[in-house]
Amino acid sequence: MRSHDYYVYIVTNRSWTLYTRVTNNLERCVWEHKNKATKGFTSRYRIGKLIYMEQFRDVRDAIPREKQIKGWTRAKKWALINGANPTCRDLSEGWFQEGDASLRSA
């Protein structure tokens, strides 16, 4: 991962609730989701399993893609996810060590 790139990603939970977002720091965002570091939807619903991501060089490409995916039906989102990650494995597996606070936002 290059830090100057942008990512559109989808995270989920045990109930398969989908959450789509764009970021320029995917590792930090995933860490925050997994550790419930920010109050809101993802911490309330324990959403932290990264199941889809796309990488962009320019935020002007990433933001419209995020909006496009957010506007899709659930079935279309699942078709996208299953095409890239048919087993729905956590794509961030192995990124963090237990108790790792190094990515906590300031």
Protein backbone atom coordinates (compact mmCIF):
# COMPACT_ATOMS: atom_id res chain seq x y z
CA MET A 1 0.00 0.00 0.00
CA ARG A 2 1.23 3.46 -0.86
CA SER A 3 0.31 6.17 1.63
CA HIS A 4 -0.39 8.76 -1.07
CA ASP A 5 -3.06 6.63 -2.72
CA TYR A 6 -6.79 6.56 -2.01
CA TYR A 7 -8.92 3.54 -1.28
CA VAL A 8 -12.59 2.75 -1.57
CA TYR A 9 -13.29 -0.10 0.80
CA ILE A 10 -16.09 -2.17 2.24
CA VAL A 11 -16.09 -3.56 5.75
CA THR A 12 -18.63 -5.84 7.36
CA ASN A 13 -19.55 -7.69 10.55
CA ARG A 14 -20.89 -11.12 11.55
CA SER A 15 -24.37 -10.13 10.34
CA TRP A 16 -22.92 -9.07 6.95
CA THR A 17 -23.87 -5.41 7.33
CA LEU A 18 -21.95 -3.49 4.66
CA TYR A 19 -20.19 -0.15 5.18
CA THR A 20 -18.47 1.65 2.28
CA ARG A 21 -15.99 4.49 2.66
CA VAL A 22 -13.08 6.27 0.95
CA THR A 23 -9.77 7.03 2.68
CA ASN A 24 -6.15 7.89 2.04
CA ASN A 25 -5.04 5.72 4.98
CA LEU A 26 -6.63 2.30 4.72
CA GLU A 27 -4.60 0.69 7.50
CA ARG A 28 -5.55 3.39 10.02
CA CYS A 29 -9.24 3.23 9.11
CA VAL A 30 -9.39 -0.55 9.32
CA TRP A 31 -7.57 -0.43 12.66
CA GLU A 32 -10.11 2.12 13.92
CA HIS A 33 -13.02 -0.07 12.78
CA LYS A 34 -11.56 -3.19 14.39
CA ASN A 35 -10.83 -1.39 17.65
CA LYS A 36 -14.05 0.66 17.77
CA ALA A 37 -11.85 3.75 18.08
CA THR A 38 -14.50 6.16 16.82
CA LYS A 39 -18.09 6.43 17.97
CA GLY A 40 -20.76 5.82 15.40
CA PHE A 41 -22.24 3.26 13.05
CA THR A 42 -19.23 0.95 12.66
CA SER A 43 -18.45 0.75 16.37
CA ARG A 44 -22.13 0.30 17.28
CA TYR A 45 -22.52 -2.58 14.82
CA ARG A 46 -19.01 -4.00 15.35
CA ILE A 47 -18.04 -3.59 11.72
CA GLY A 48 -14.37 -4.32 11.18
CA LYS A 49 -13.81 -7.08 8.62
CA LEU A 50 -12.28 -5.69 5.42
CA ILE A 51 -13.81 -7.64 2.54
CA TYR A 52 -13.28 -5.34 -0.46
CA MET A 53 -10.97 -2.54 -1.56
CA GLU A 54 -10.04 -0.60 -4.66
CA GLN A 55 -6.96 1.60 -4.99
CA PHE A 56 -6.86 4.97 -6.77
CA ARG A 57 -4.09 7.45 -7.48
CA ASP A 58 -6.44 10.44 -7.44
CA VAL A 59 -9.14 11.31 -4.93
CA ARG A 60 -11.19 12.70 -7.85
CA ASP A 61 -11.58 9.11 -9.03
CA ALA A 62 -12.07 7.54 -5.60
CA ILE A 63 -14.92 9.74 -4.36
CA PRO A 64 -17.23 9.17 -7.37
CA ARG A 65 -16.54 5.42 -7.11
CA GLU A 66 -17.48 5.44 -3.42
CA LYS A 67 -20.72 7.28 -4.24
CA GLN A 68 -21.45 4.87 -7.07
CA ILE A 69 -21.06 1.81 -4.85
CA LYS A 70 -23.07 3.39 -2.03
CA GLY A 71 -25.92 3.93 -4.50
CA TRP A 72 -26.04 0.29 -5.55
CA THR A 73 -28.43 -2.32 -4.27
CA ARG A 74 -27.18 -4.77 -1.69
CA ALA A 75 -27.21 -7.52 -4.34
CA LYS A 76 -25.00 -5.51 -6.68
CA LYS A 77 -22.55 -4.75 -3.85
CA TRP A 78 -22.36 -8.46 -3.02
CA ALA A 79 -21.73 -9.31 -6.68
CA LEU A 80 -18.79 -6.88 -6.62
CA ILE A 81 -17.42 -8.33 -3.38
CA ASN A 82 -17.86 -11.94 -4.49
CA GLY A 83 -16.10 -11.23 -7.78
CA ALA A 84 -12.99 -10.01 -5.97
CA ASN A 85 -13.17 -11.97 -2.70
CA PRO A 86 -15.48 -15.00 -3.10
CA THR A 87 -14.62 -16.44 0.33
CA CYS A 88 -15.14 -13.06 2.05
CA ARG A 89 -11.88 -13.46 3.91
CA ASP A 90 -10.64 -10.52 5.95
CA LEU A 91 -8.23 -8.76 3.58
CA SER A 92 -6.53 -7.08 6.56
CA GLU A 93 -5.63 -10.37 8.20
CA GLY A 94 -2.10 -10.14 9.57
CA TRP A 95 -1.89 -6.33 9.36
CA PHE A 96 -1.99 -5.76 13.11
CA GLN A 97 -0.61 -7.34 16.25
CA GLU A 98 -2.74 -7.84 19.34
CA GLY A 99 -2.82 -4.60 21.33
CA ASP A 100 -1.16 -2.58 18.55
CA ALA A 101 -1.98 1.07 19.16
CA SER A 102 0.47 2.46 16.62
CA LEU A 103 -2.24 3.39 14.11
CA ARG A 104 -4.50 5.18 16.56
CA SER A 105 -5.46 8.60 15.21
CA ALA A 106 -4.15 11.60 17.06
